[in-house]
Amino acid sequence: MNREIQAFMVFLMAEKNASPNTIKAYGRDLEKFFSFIGAHRDAASVSSRDVRSWLAFLRKNGAGSSTISRKKASVASFFRFLLVRGMVSGNPVDHIRSPRKEKTLPQCMSVDEAFAMVEIRAASGFVEVRNRAILELLYSAGIRVGELTGLDVPDVSMSPEMIKVKGKGGRERIVPYGRKAADSLGAWLSVRGAMLERRRRPEEQALFINNRATRLSPRSVQRIVAARRMETGMTCPVTPHTFRHSMATHLLESGADLRGIQEILGHASLATTQQYTHLDYSRLAEVYDRAHPRAQGRSSTDNEEGEDG
């Protein structure tokens, strides 16, 4: 079975252009599935009952609907791969419904909280200057943590203030960032250059590096955000993704177009962007009152009077 899983991993990398993290996630899901039903089971002997038993086990042990759906999709993709190659006669995951997703809203910081997170005072050392640039870019551009750590120096334009981001599925997009982020990036590039010279690694292209002058990992960024949250005394959970959601929410609350936000975030579907919108009804009423011509009690005579005047 391990050989079949390895072949599937190669397929994901070579033909589906899946990211290393995605491939690892598939591998973990499949290993756990076959560990549950019997590590030495032949793939052709796996039944729908086996899959249902595993999903029920996951639910019983506290896995959420999103996690269960993802793991089910991993097994389904694996058996689809085997089916196309004639290695099994059917897909045991077919006709098994995914659990209904819980409708939970991502965490969002207020504008003041976001400012407190990014404004590191007296940022002068290597770590402080780098961390401020990271936090400013997370909030200013709303990019994913993997997109941030995947940035190379040539991906950054200082004028105009744009970055080239490689998102999910290898899709590239251009994302603007603000003046504050530009100032922080400028300061960081100077410090970064000095570190590369000291470590004798002038060829390193990664935008964000550690003190060994190698590319910073997503896990390192998560630790940076967690440490900064502790410094500010914030009690609510804050992750790199919180900056992304907060940026989208603040843009929307300032009147930005939902389609524009979709492009910035790199969502393939507008429906995905809409989950970031949790404006309250009073805010919607304000937008209506400000924008709708009938909300102000205007009539056709108002237009006529305006034309005469």
C-alpha atoms as a PDB file:
ATOM      1  CA  MET A   1       0.000   0.000   0.000  1.00  0.00           C
ATOM      2  CA  ASN A   2       2.858   2.351   0.783  1.00  0.00           C
ATOM      3  CA  ARG A   3       4.031   2.034  -2.836  1.00  0.00           C
ATOM      4  CA  GLU A   4       0.602   3.074  -4.130  1.00  0.00           C
ATOM      5  CA  ILE A   5       0.528   6.080  -1.805  1.00  0.00           C
ATOM      6  CA  GLN A   6       4.021   7.071  -2.957  1.00  0.00           C
ATOM      7  CA  ALA A   7       2.867   6.871  -6.588  1.00  0.00           C
ATOM      8  CA  PHE A   8      -0.070   9.110  -5.700  1.00  0.00           C
ATOM      9  CA  MET A   9       2.295  11.631  -4.067  1.00  0.00           C
ATOM     10  CA  VAL A  10       4.413  11.742  -7.230  1.00  0.00           C
ATOM     11  CA  PHE A  11       1.245  12.254  -9.291  1.00  0.00           C
ATOM     12  CA  LEU A  12       0.180  15.198  -7.117  1.00  0.00           C
ATOM     13  CA  MET A  13       3.569  16.844  -7.471  1.00  0.00           C
ATOM     14  CA  ALA A  14       4.239  16.179 -11.153  1.00  0.00           C
ATOM     15  CA  GLU A  15       0.779  16.426 -12.709  1.00  0.00           C
ATOM     16  CA  LYS A  16      -1.292  18.470 -10.260  1.00  0.00           C
ATOM     17  CA  ASN A  17       1.443  20.948  -9.300  1.00  0.00           C
ATOM     18  CA  ALA A  18       0.390  20.565  -5.657  1.00  0.00           C
ATOM     19  CA  SER A  19       2.395  22.408  -3.020  1.00  0.00           C
ATOM     20  CA  PRO A  20       4.693  20.449  -0.663  1.00  0.00           C
ATOM     21  CA  ASN A  21       2.359  21.199   2.252  1.00  0.00           C
ATOM     22  CA  THR A  22      -0.651  19.876   0.317  1.00  0.00           C
ATOM     23  CA  ILE A  23       1.206  16.693  -0.605  1.00  0.00           C
ATOM     24  CA  LYS A  24       2.244  16.132   3.018  1.00  0.00           C
ATOM     25  CA  ALA A  25      -1.352  16.641   4.167  1.00  0.00           C
ATOM     26  CA  TYR A  26      -2.621  14.030   1.683  1.00  0.00           C
ATOM     27  CA  GLY A  27       0.075  11.624   2.823  1.00  0.00           C
ATOM     28  CA  ARG A  28      -0.792  12.048   6.507  1.00  0.00           C
ATOM     29  CA  ASP A  29      -4.507  11.570   5.845  1.00  0.00           C
ATOM     30  CA  LEU A  30      -3.940   8.380   3.878  1.00  0.00           C
ATOM     31  CA  GLU A  31      -1.517   6.936   6.413  1.00  0.00           C
ATOM     32  CA  LYS A  32      -4.021   7.529   9.215  1.00  0.00           C
ATOM     33  CA  PHE A  33      -6.871   6.053   7.177  1.00  0.00           C
ATOM     34  CA  PHE A  34      -5.012   2.827   6.408  1.00  0.00           C
ATOM     35  CA  SER A  35      -3.699   2.646   9.958  1.00  0.00           C
ATOM     36  CA  PHE A  36      -7.327   2.717  11.131  1.00  0.00           C
ATOM     37  CA  ILE A  37      -8.673   0.056   8.755  1.00  0.00           C
ATOM     38  CA  GLY A  38      -5.529  -2.102   8.743  1.00  0.00           C
ATOM     39  CA  ALA A  39      -2.150  -1.034   7.428  1.00  0.00           C
ATOM     40  CA  HIS A  40      -1.710  -4.085   5.187  1.00  0.00           C
ATOM     41  CA  ARG A  41      -5.159  -4.017   3.591  1.00  0.00           C
ATOM     42  CA  ASP A  42      -5.235  -4.212  -0.174  1.00  0.00           C
ATOM     43  CA  ALA A  43      -6.774  -1.090  -1.718  1.00  0.00           C
ATOM     44  CA  ALA A  44      -9.206  -3.183  -3.759  1.00  0.00           C
ATOM     45  CA  SER A  45     -10.698  -4.593  -0.547  1.00  0.00           C
ATOM     46  CA  VAL A  46     -11.566  -1.200   0.973  1.00  0.00           C
ATOM     47  CA  SER A  47     -15.328  -0.665   1.210  1.00  0.00           C
ATOM     48  CA  SER A  48     -17.664   2.245   1.825  1.00  0.00           C
ATOM     49  CA  ARG A  49     -18.269   0.782   5.285  1.00  0.00           C
ATOM     50  CA  ASP A  50     -14.545   1.174   6.051  1.00  0.00           C
ATOM     51  CA  VAL A  51     -14.670   4.824   5.037  1.00  0.00           C
ATOM     52  CA  ARG A  52     -17.850   5.502   7.027  1.00  0.00           C
ATOM     53  CA  SER A  53     -16.341   3.843  10.115  1.00  0.00           C
ATOM     54  CA  TRP A  54     -13.247   6.035   9.858  1.00  0.00           C
ATOM     55  CA  LEU A  55     -15.258   9.229   9.436  1.00  0.00           C
ATOM     56  CA  ALA A  56     -17.415   8.272  12.422  1.00  0.00           C
ATOM     57  CA  PHE A  57     -14.250   7.638  14.444  1.00  0.00           C
ATOM     58  CA  LEU A  58     -12.936  11.088  13.537  1.00  0.00           C
ATOM     59  CA  ARG A  59     -16.216  12.721  14.542  1.00  0.00           C
ATOM     60  CA  LYS A  60     -16.290  10.810  17.844  1.00  0.00           C
ATOM     61  CA  ASN A  61     -12.783  12.040  18.625  1.00  0.00           C
ATOM     62  CA  GLY A  62     -13.669  15.697  18.153  1.00  0.00           C
ATOM     63  CA  ALA A  63     -12.734  16.417  14.536  1.00  0.00           C
ATOM     64  CA  GLY A  64     -14.717  19.287  13.038  1.00  0.00           C
ATOM     65  CA  SER A  65     -16.740  19.176   9.837  1.00  0.00           C
ATOM     66  CA  SER A  66     -14.061  20.956   7.796  1.00  0.00           C
ATOM     67  CA  THR A  67     -11.360  18.544   8.955  1.00  0.00           C
ATOM     68  CA  ILE A  68     -13.527  15.501   8.231  1.00  0.00           C
ATOM     69  CA  SER A  69     -14.438  16.818   4.775  1.00  0.00           C
ATOM     70  CA  ARG A  70     -10.774  17.416   3.938  1.00  0.00           C
ATOM     71  CA  LYS A  71      -9.704  13.943   5.074  1.00  0.00           C
ATOM     72  CA  LYS A  72     -12.581  12.369   3.153  1.00  0.00           C
ATOM     73  CA  ALA A  73     -11.491  14.300   0.055  1.00  0.00           C
ATOM     74  CA  SER A  74      -7.929  12.980   0.453  1.00  0.00           C
ATOM     75  CA  VAL A  75      -9.138   9.370   0.450  1.00  0.00           C
ATOM     76  CA  ALA A  76     -11.522  10.057  -2.444  1.00  0.00           C
ATOM     77  CA  SER A  77      -8.719  11.576  -4.546  1.00  0.00           C
ATOM     78  CA  PHE A  78      -6.441   8.632  -3.822  1.00  0.00           C
ATOM     79  CA  PHE A  79      -9.024   6.064  -4.926  1.00  0.00           C
ATOM     80  CA  ARG A  80      -9.890   8.161  -7.972  1.00  0.00           C
ATOM     81  CA  PHE A  81      -6.208   7.986  -8.901  1.00  0.00           C
ATOM     82  CA  LEU A  82      -6.228   4.184  -8.484  1.00  0.00           C
ATOM     83  CA  LEU A  83      -9.507   3.806 -10.393  1.00  0.00           C
ATOM     84  CA  VAL A  84      -8.243   5.687 -13.453  1.00  0.00           C
ATOM     85  CA  ARG A  85      -5.231   3.373 -13.538  1.00  0.00           C
ATOM     86  CA  GLY A  86      -7.345   0.224 -13.232  1.00  0.00           C
ATOM     87  CA  MET A  87      -5.953  -0.678  -9.819  1.00  0.00           C
ATOM     88  CA  VAL A  88      -9.408  -0.782  -8.162  1.00  0.00           C
ATOM     89  CA  SER A  89     -12.887  -1.416  -9.558  1.00  0.00           C
ATOM     90  CA  GLY A  90     -14.638   1.429  -7.753  1.00  0.00           C
ATOM     91  CA  ASN A  91     -14.238   4.382  -5.421  1.00  0.00           C
ATOM     92  CA  PRO A  92     -15.482   3.515  -1.893  1.00  0.00           C
ATOM     93  CA  VAL A  93     -15.947   7.201  -1.091  1.00  0.00           C
ATOM     94  CA  ASP A  94     -18.562   7.702  -3.809  1.00  0.00           C
ATOM     95  CA  HIS A  95     -22.046   8.453  -2.474  1.00  0.00           C
ATOM     96  CA  ILE A  96     -20.740   9.261   1.036  1.00  0.00           C
ATOM     97  CA  ARG A  97     -21.965  12.736   1.880  1.00  0.00           C
ATOM     98  CA  SER A  98     -19.663  15.226   3.544  1.00  0.00           C
ATOM     99  CA  PRO A  99     -20.764  16.630   6.915  1.00  0.00           C
ATOM    100  CA  ARG A 100     -22.449  20.008   6.882  1.00  0.00           C
ATOM    101  CA  LYS A 101     -19.872  22.726   7.416  1.00  0.00           C
ATOM    102  CA  GLU A 102     -20.119  24.822  10.538  1.00  0.00           C
ATOM    103  CA  LYS A 103     -20.627  28.457   9.652  1.00  0.00           C
ATOM    104  CA  THR A 104     -17.961  30.159  11.713  1.00  0.00           C
ATOM    105  CA  LEU A 105     -16.554  33.591  10.998  1.00  0.00           C
ATOM    106  CA  PRO A 106     -12.784  34.093  11.030  1.00  0.00           C
ATOM    107  CA  GLN A 107     -11.394  36.218  13.851  1.00  0.00           C
ATOM    108  CA  CYS A 108     -11.043  39.905  13.062  1.00  0.00           C
ATOM    109  CA  MET A 109      -9.042  42.636  14.776  1.00  0.00           C
ATOM    110  CA  SER A 110     -10.317  46.176  15.110  1.00  0.00           C
ATOM    111  CA  VAL A 111      -8.337  48.852  13.262  1.00  0.00           C
ATOM    112  CA  ASP A 112      -6.754  49.981  16.549  1.00  0.00           C
ATOM    113  CA  GLU A 113      -5.761  46.408  17.399  1.00  0.00           C
ATOM    114  CA  ALA A 114      -4.235  45.899  13.953  1.00  0.00           C
ATOM    115  CA  PHE A 115      -2.241  49.123  14.308  1.00  0.00           C
ATOM    116  CA  ALA A 116      -1.021  48.039  17.750  1.00  0.00           C
ATOM    117  CA  MET A 117       0.163  44.718  16.308  1.00  0.00           C
ATOM    118  CA  VAL A 118       2.196  46.216  13.451  1.00  0.00           C
ATOM    119  CA  GLU A 119       3.686  49.315  15.083  1.00  0.00           C
ATOM    120  CA  ILE A 120       6.821  47.941  16.734  1.00  0.00           C
ATOM    121  CA  ARG A 121       8.495  50.874  18.468  1.00  0.00           C
ATOM    122  CA  ALA A 122      12.193  51.618  17.969  1.00  0.00           C
ATOM    123  CA  ALA A 123      12.643  48.832  15.434  1.00  0.00           C
ATOM    124  CA  SER A 124      16.392  48.945  14.811  1.00  0.00           C
ATOM    125  CA  GLY A 125      17.853  45.441  15.206  1.00  0.00           C
ATOM    126  CA  PHE A 126      17.704  42.655  12.615  1.00  0.00           C
ATOM    127  CA  VAL A 127      14.775  40.825  14.230  1.00  0.00           C
ATOM    128  CA  GLU A 128      12.716  43.931  15.060  1.00  0.00           C
ATOM    129  CA  VAL A 129      13.097  45.479  11.595  1.00  0.00           C
ATOM    130  CA  ARG A 130      12.265  42.181   9.896  1.00  0.00           C
ATOM    131  CA  ASN A 131       9.276  41.477  12.119  1.00  0.00           C
ATOM    132  CA  ARG A 132       7.792  44.914  11.567  1.00  0.00           C
ATOM    133  CA  ALA A 133       8.085  44.472   7.792  1.00  0.00           C
ATOM    134  CA  ILE A 134       6.414  41.057   8.063  1.00  0.00           C
ATOM    135  CA  LEU A 135       3.524  42.345  10.177  1.00  0.00           C
ATOM    136  CA  GLU A 136       3.034  45.449   8.019  1.00  0.00           C
ATOM    137  CA  LEU A 137       2.919  43.343   4.853  1.00  0.00           C
ATOM    138  CA  LEU A 138       0.528  40.774   6.336  1.00  0.00           C
ATOM    139  CA  TYR A 139      -1.934  43.540   7.205  1.00  0.00           C
ATOM    140  CA  SER A 140      -1.310  45.825   4.228  1.00  0.00           C
ATOM    141  CA  ALA A 141      -1.457  43.159   1.495  1.00  0.00           C
ATOM    142  CA  GLY A 142      -3.630  40.527   3.196  1.00  0.00           C
ATOM    143  CA  ILE A 143      -1.523  37.676   1.866  1.00  0.00           C
ATOM    144  CA  ARG A 144      -1.411  34.134   3.248  1.00  0.00           C
ATOM    145  CA  VAL A 145       1.526  33.148   5.439  1.00  0.00           C
ATOM    146  CA  GLY A 146       2.776  30.686   2.807  1.00  0.00           C
ATOM    147  CA  GLU A 147       2.586  33.410   0.169  1.00  0.00           C
ATOM    148  CA  LEU A 148       4.573  35.756   2.401  1.00  0.00           C
ATOM    149  CA  THR A 149       7.372  33.280   3.104  1.00  0.00           C
ATOM    150  CA  GLY A 150       7.444  32.327  -0.583  1.00  0.00           C
ATOM    151  CA  LEU A 151       8.242  35.883  -1.689  1.00  0.00           C
ATOM    152  CA  ASP A 152      11.592  36.587  -3.326  1.00  0.00           C
ATOM    153  CA  VAL A 153      13.194  40.027  -3.542  1.00  0.00           C
ATOM    154  CA  PRO A 154      12.466  40.340  -7.313  1.00  0.00           C
ATOM    155  CA  ASP A 155       8.751  39.874  -6.491  1.00  0.00           C
ATOM    156  CA  VAL A 156       8.715  43.241  -4.718  1.00  0.00           C
ATOM    157  CA  SER A 157       8.220  46.542  -6.539  1.00  0.00           C
ATOM    158  CA  MET A 158       8.812  49.672  -4.460  1.00  0.00           C
ATOM    159  CA  SER A 159       7.416  51.999  -7.128  1.00  0.00           C
ATOM    160  CA  PRO A 160       4.603  51.304  -7.737  1.00  0.00           C
ATOM    161  CA  GLU A 161       4.080  49.568  -4.394  1.00  0.00           C
ATOM    162  CA  MET A 162       3.171  46.088  -5.627  1.00  0.00           C
ATOM    163  CA  ILE A 163       4.168  42.493  -4.924  1.00  0.00           C
ATOM    164  CA  LYS A 164       3.886  39.454  -7.185  1.00  0.00           C
ATOM    165  CA  VAL A 165       2.354  36.621  -5.177  1.00  0.00           C
ATOM    166  CA  LYS A 166       2.113  32.940  -6.054  1.00  0.00           C
ATOM    167  CA  GLY A 167      -1.135  31.727  -4.496  1.00  0.00           C
ATOM    168  CA  LYS A 168      -3.013  28.448  -4.267  1.00  0.00           C
ATOM    169  CA  GLY A 169      -2.678  26.193  -7.281  1.00  0.00           C
ATOM    170  CA  GLY A 170       0.326  28.185  -8.478  1.00  0.00           C
ATOM    171  CA  ARG A 171      -1.885  31.102  -9.555  1.00  0.00           C
ATOM    172  CA  GLU A 172       0.040  34.373  -9.660  1.00  0.00           C
ATOM    173  CA  ARG A 173      -1.473  37.751  -8.842  1.00  0.00           C
ATOM    174  CA  ILE A 174      -0.293  41.307  -8.279  1.00  0.00           C
ATOM    175  CA  VAL A 175      -1.165  42.777  -4.881  1.00  0.00           C
ATOM    176  CA  PRO A 176      -0.760  46.420  -3.798  1.00  0.00           C
ATOM    177  CA  TYR A 177       0.617  47.372  -0.418  1.00  0.00           C
ATOM    178  CA  GLY A 178       0.628  50.695   1.458  1.00  0.00           C
ATOM    179  CA  ARG A 179       3.141  53.418   2.253  1.00  0.00           C
ATOM    180  CA  LYS A 180       3.726  52.194   5.831  1.00  0.00           C
ATOM    181  CA  ALA A 181       4.553  48.718   4.544  1.00  0.00           C
ATOM    182  CA  ALA A 182       6.828  50.254   1.897  1.00  0.00           C
ATOM    183  CA  ASP A 183       8.764  52.178   4.557  1.00  0.00           C
ATOM    184  CA  SER A 184       9.161  49.025   6.651  1.00  0.00           C
ATOM    185  CA  LEU A 185      10.226  46.970   3.618  1.00  0.00           C
ATOM    186  CA  GLY A 186      12.810  49.588   2.650  1.00  0.00           C
ATOM    187  CA  ALA A 187      14.321  49.476   6.129  1.00  0.00           C
ATOM    188  CA  TRP A 188      14.277  45.675   6.090  1.00  0.00           C
ATOM    189  CA  LEU A 189      15.994  45.357   2.706  1.00  0.00           C
ATOM    190  CA  SER A 190      18.955  47.355   4.045  1.00  0.00           C
ATOM    191  CA  VAL A 191      19.256  45.171   7.152  1.00  0.00           C
ATOM    192  CA  ARG A 192      18.732  42.027   5.069  1.00  0.00           C
ATOM    193  CA  GLY A 193      21.577  42.980   2.725  1.00  0.00           C
ATOM    194  CA  ALA A 194      23.950  43.419   5.647  1.00  0.00           C
ATOM    195  CA  MET A 195      23.001  39.995   7.034  1.00  0.00           C
ATOM    196  CA  LEU A 196      23.580  38.285   3.669  1.00  0.00           C
ATOM    197  CA  GLU A 197      26.976  39.938   3.406  1.00  0.00           C
ATOM    198  CA  ARG A 198      27.900  38.859   6.928  1.00  0.00           C
ATOM    199  CA  ARG A 199      26.774  35.274   6.260  1.00  0.00           C
ATOM    200  CA  ARG A 200      28.368  35.280   2.797  1.00  0.00           C
ATOM    201  CA  ARG A 201      25.117  34.323   1.100  1.00  0.00           C
ATOM    202  CA  PRO A 202      24.680  37.060  -1.532  1.00  0.00           C
ATOM    203  CA  GLU A 203      22.812  34.652  -3.818  1.00  0.00           C
ATOM    204  CA  GLU A 204      19.856  34.163  -1.403  1.00  0.00           C
ATOM    205  CA  GLN A 205      16.647  35.425  -3.067  1.00  0.00           C
ATOM    206  CA  ALA A 206      14.156  34.959  -0.209  1.00  0.00           C
ATOM    207  CA  LEU A 207      12.640  38.261   0.902  1.00  0.00           C
ATOM    208  CA  PHE A 208      12.361  37.243   4.553  1.00  0.00           C
ATOM    209  CA  ILE A 209      15.282  35.371   6.085  1.00  0.00           C
ATOM    210  CA  ASN A 210      16.345  34.131   9.515  1.00  0.00           C
ATOM    211  CA  ASN A 211      19.630  34.886  11.269  1.00  0.00           C
ATOM    212  CA  ARG A 212      21.287  32.078   9.276  1.00  0.00           C
ATOM    213  CA  ALA A 213      20.367  33.974   6.098  1.00  0.00           C
ATOM    214  CA  THR A 214      18.006  31.248   4.869  1.00  0.00           C
ATOM    215  CA  ARG A 215      14.321  31.518   3.988  1.00  0.00           C
ATOM    216  CA  LEU A 216      11.970  32.060   6.911  1.00  0.00           C
ATOM    217  CA  SER A 217       9.380  29.298   7.400  1.00  0.00           C
ATOM    218  CA  PRO A 218       5.602  29.746   7.852  1.00  0.00           C
ATOM    219  CA  ARG A 219       5.972  28.282  11.345  1.00  0.00           C
ATOM    220  CA  SER A 220       8.478  31.007  12.226  1.00  0.00           C
ATOM    221  CA  VAL A 221       6.013  33.683  11.112  1.00  0.00           C
ATOM    222  CA  GLN A 222       3.312  32.090  13.256  1.00  0.00           C
ATOM    223  CA  ARG A 223       5.664  32.317  16.245  1.00  0.00           C
ATOM    224  CA  ILE A 224       6.450  35.959  15.443  1.00  0.00           C
ATOM    225  CA  VAL A 225       2.739  36.825  15.399  1.00  0.00           C
ATOM    226  CA  ALA A 226       2.105  34.917  18.634  1.00  0.00           C
ATOM    227  CA  ALA A 227       4.979  36.685  20.391  1.00  0.00           C
ATOM    228  CA  ARG A 228       3.805  40.084  19.173  1.00  0.00           C
ATOM    229  CA  ARG A 229       0.289  39.375  20.443  1.00  0.00           C
ATOM    230  CA  MET A 230       1.735  38.683  23.885  1.00  0.00           C
ATOM    231  CA  GLU A 231       3.735  41.934  23.762  1.00  0.00           C
ATOM    232  CA  THR A 232       0.637  43.995  22.996  1.00  0.00           C
ATOM    233  CA  GLY A 233      -1.403  42.300  25.714  1.00  0.00           C
ATOM    234  CA  MET A 234      -4.163  41.295  23.315  1.00  0.00           C
ATOM    235  CA  THR A 235      -6.335  38.518  24.728  1.00  0.00           C
ATOM    236  CA  CYS A 236      -8.123  37.422  21.540  1.00  0.00           C
ATOM    237  CA  PRO A 237      -6.441  34.825  19.278  1.00  0.00           C
ATOM    238  CA  VAL A 238      -4.304  36.338  16.505  1.00  0.00           C
ATOM    239  CA  THR A 239      -2.668  34.309  13.728  1.00  0.00           C
ATOM    240  CA  PRO A 240      -1.141  35.370  10.396  1.00  0.00           C
ATOM    241  CA  HIS A 241      -4.525  34.629   8.806  1.00  0.00           C
ATOM    242  CA  THR A 242      -6.199  37.055  11.231  1.00  0.00           C
ATOM    243  CA  PHE A 243      -4.350  39.881   9.458  1.00  0.00           C
ATOM    244  CA  ARG A 244      -5.758  38.691   6.117  1.00  0.00           C
ATOM    245  CA  HIS A 245      -9.321  38.610   7.380  1.00  0.00           C
ATOM    246  CA  SER A 246      -8.959  41.928   9.208  1.00  0.00           C
ATOM    247  CA  MET A 247      -7.544  43.635   6.121  1.00  0.00           C
ATOM    248  CA  ALA A 248     -10.435  42.380   3.969  1.00  0.00           C
ATOM    249  CA  THR A 249     -13.000  43.420   6.576  1.00  0.00           C
ATOM    250  CA  HIS A 250     -11.509  46.893   7.038  1.00  0.00           C
ATOM    251  CA  LEU A 251     -11.410  47.455   3.271  1.00  0.00           C
ATOM    252  CA  LEU A 252     -15.032  46.414   2.970  1.00  0.00           C
ATOM    253  CA  GLU A 253     -16.112  48.607   5.869  1.00  0.00           C
ATOM    254  CA  SER A 254     -14.378  51.549   4.172  1.00  0.00           C
ATOM    255  CA  GLY A 255     -16.460  51.031   1.036  1.00  0.00           C
ATOM    256  CA  ALA A 256     -14.117  48.911  -1.098  1.00  0.00           C
ATOM    257  CA  ASP A 257     -15.698  46.840  -3.862  1.00  0.00           C
ATOM    258  CA  LEU A 258     -16.127  43.139  -3.069  1.00  0.00           C
ATOM    259  CA  ARG A 259     -14.785  42.147  -6.499  1.00  0.00           C
ATOM    260  CA  GLY A 260     -11.646  44.193  -5.898  1.00  0.00           C
ATOM    261  CA  ILE A 261     -11.123  42.512  -2.535  1.00  0.00           C
ATOM    262  CA  GLN A 262     -11.572  39.145  -4.247  1.00  0.00           C
ATOM    263  CA  GLU A 263      -8.741  39.993  -6.663  1.00  0.00           C
ATOM    264  CA  ILE A 264      -6.442  41.149  -3.856  1.00  0.00           C
ATOM    265  CA  LEU A 265      -7.073  38.037  -1.772  1.00  0.00           C
ATOM    266  CA  GLY A 266      -6.715  35.731  -4.777  1.00  0.00           C
ATOM    267  CA  HIS A 267     -10.031  33.945  -4.297  1.00  0.00           C
ATOM    268  CA  ALA A 268     -11.166  31.935  -7.311  1.00  0.00           C
ATOM    269  CA  SER A 269     -14.800  32.327  -6.228  1.00  0.00           C
ATOM    270  CA  LEU A 270     -16.586  35.439  -4.990  1.00  0.00           C
ATOM    271  CA  ALA A 271     -18.455  33.206  -2.546  1.00  0.00           C
ATOM    272  CA  THR A 272     -15.176  32.618  -0.700  1.00  0.00           C
ATOM    273  CA  THR A 273     -14.659  36.360  -0.331  1.00  0.00           C
ATOM    274  CA  GLN A 274     -18.193  36.811   0.954  1.00  0.00           C
ATOM    275  CA  GLN A 275     -17.436  34.729   4.042  1.00  0.00           C
ATOM    276  CA  TYR A 276     -15.131  37.550   5.118  1.00  0.00           C
ATOM    277  CA  THR A 277     -18.048  39.967   5.186  1.00  0.00           C
ATOM    278  CA  HIS A 278     -19.696  40.149   8.564  1.00  0.00           C
ATOM    279  CA  LEU A 279     -20.940  43.713   8.491  1.00  0.00           C
ATOM    280  CA  ASP A 280     -23.740  44.284  10.976  1.00  0.00           C
ATOM    281  CA  TYR A 281     -27.170  45.462   9.903  1.00  0.00           C
ATOM    282  CA  SER A 282     -26.590  49.008  11.149  1.00  0.00           C
ATOM    283  CA  ARG A 283     -23.581  49.264   8.803  1.00  0.00           C
ATOM    284  CA  LEU A 284     -25.665  47.971   5.895  1.00  0.00           C
ATOM    285  CA  ALA A 285     -28.347  50.514   6.747  1.00  0.00           C
ATOM    286  CA  GLU A 286     -25.753  53.304   6.702  1.00  0.00           C
ATOM    287  CA  VAL A 287     -24.564  52.211   3.257  1.00  0.00           C
ATOM    288  CA  TYR A 288     -28.152  52.091   2.020  1.00  0.00           C
ATOM    289  CA  ASP A 289     -29.016  55.531   3.419  1.00  0.00           C
ATOM    290  CA  ARG A 290     -25.922  57.070   1.898  1.00  0.00           C
ATOM    291  CA  ALA A 291     -26.176  55.433  -1.515  1.00  0.00           C
ATOM    292  CA  HIS A 292     -29.806  54.804  -2.430  1.00  0.00           C
ATOM    293  CA  PRO A 293     -31.536  57.789  -4.104  1.00  0.00           C
ATOM    294  CA  ARG A 294     -34.887  57.014  -2.464  1.00  0.00           C
ATOM    295  CA  ALA A 295     -33.430  56.700   1.025  1.00  0.00           C
ATOM    296  CA  GLN A 296     -33.208  60.487   1.341  1.00  0.00           C
ATOM    297  CA  GLY A 297     -36.808  61.007   0.274  1.00  0.00           C
ATOM    298  CA  ARG A 298     -35.773  62.473  -3.064  1.00  0.00           C
ATOM    299  CA  SER A 299     -38.350  62.751  -5.820  1.00  0.00           C
ATOM    300  CA  SER A 300     -38.363  63.528  -9.515  1.00  0.00           C
ATOM    301  CA  THR A 301     -39.113  67.188  -8.739  1.00  0.00           C
ATOM    302  CA  ASP A 302     -35.834  67.422  -6.834  1.00  0.00           C
ATOM    303  CA  ASN A 303     -33.987  66.530 -10.025  1.00  0.00           C
ATOM    304  CA  GLU A 304     -35.997  69.037 -12.035  1.00  0.00           C
ATOM    305  CA  GLU A 305     -35.259  71.822  -9.548  1.00  0.00           C
ATOM    306  CA  GLY A 306     -31.595  70.935  -9.683  1.00  0.00           C
ATOM    307  CA  GLU A 307     -31.573  71.126 -13.477  1.00  0.00           C
ATOM    308  CA  ASP A 308     -33.257  74.569 -13.431  1.00  0.00           C
ATOM    309  CA  GLY A 309     -30.765  75.831 -10.890  1.00  0.00           C
END
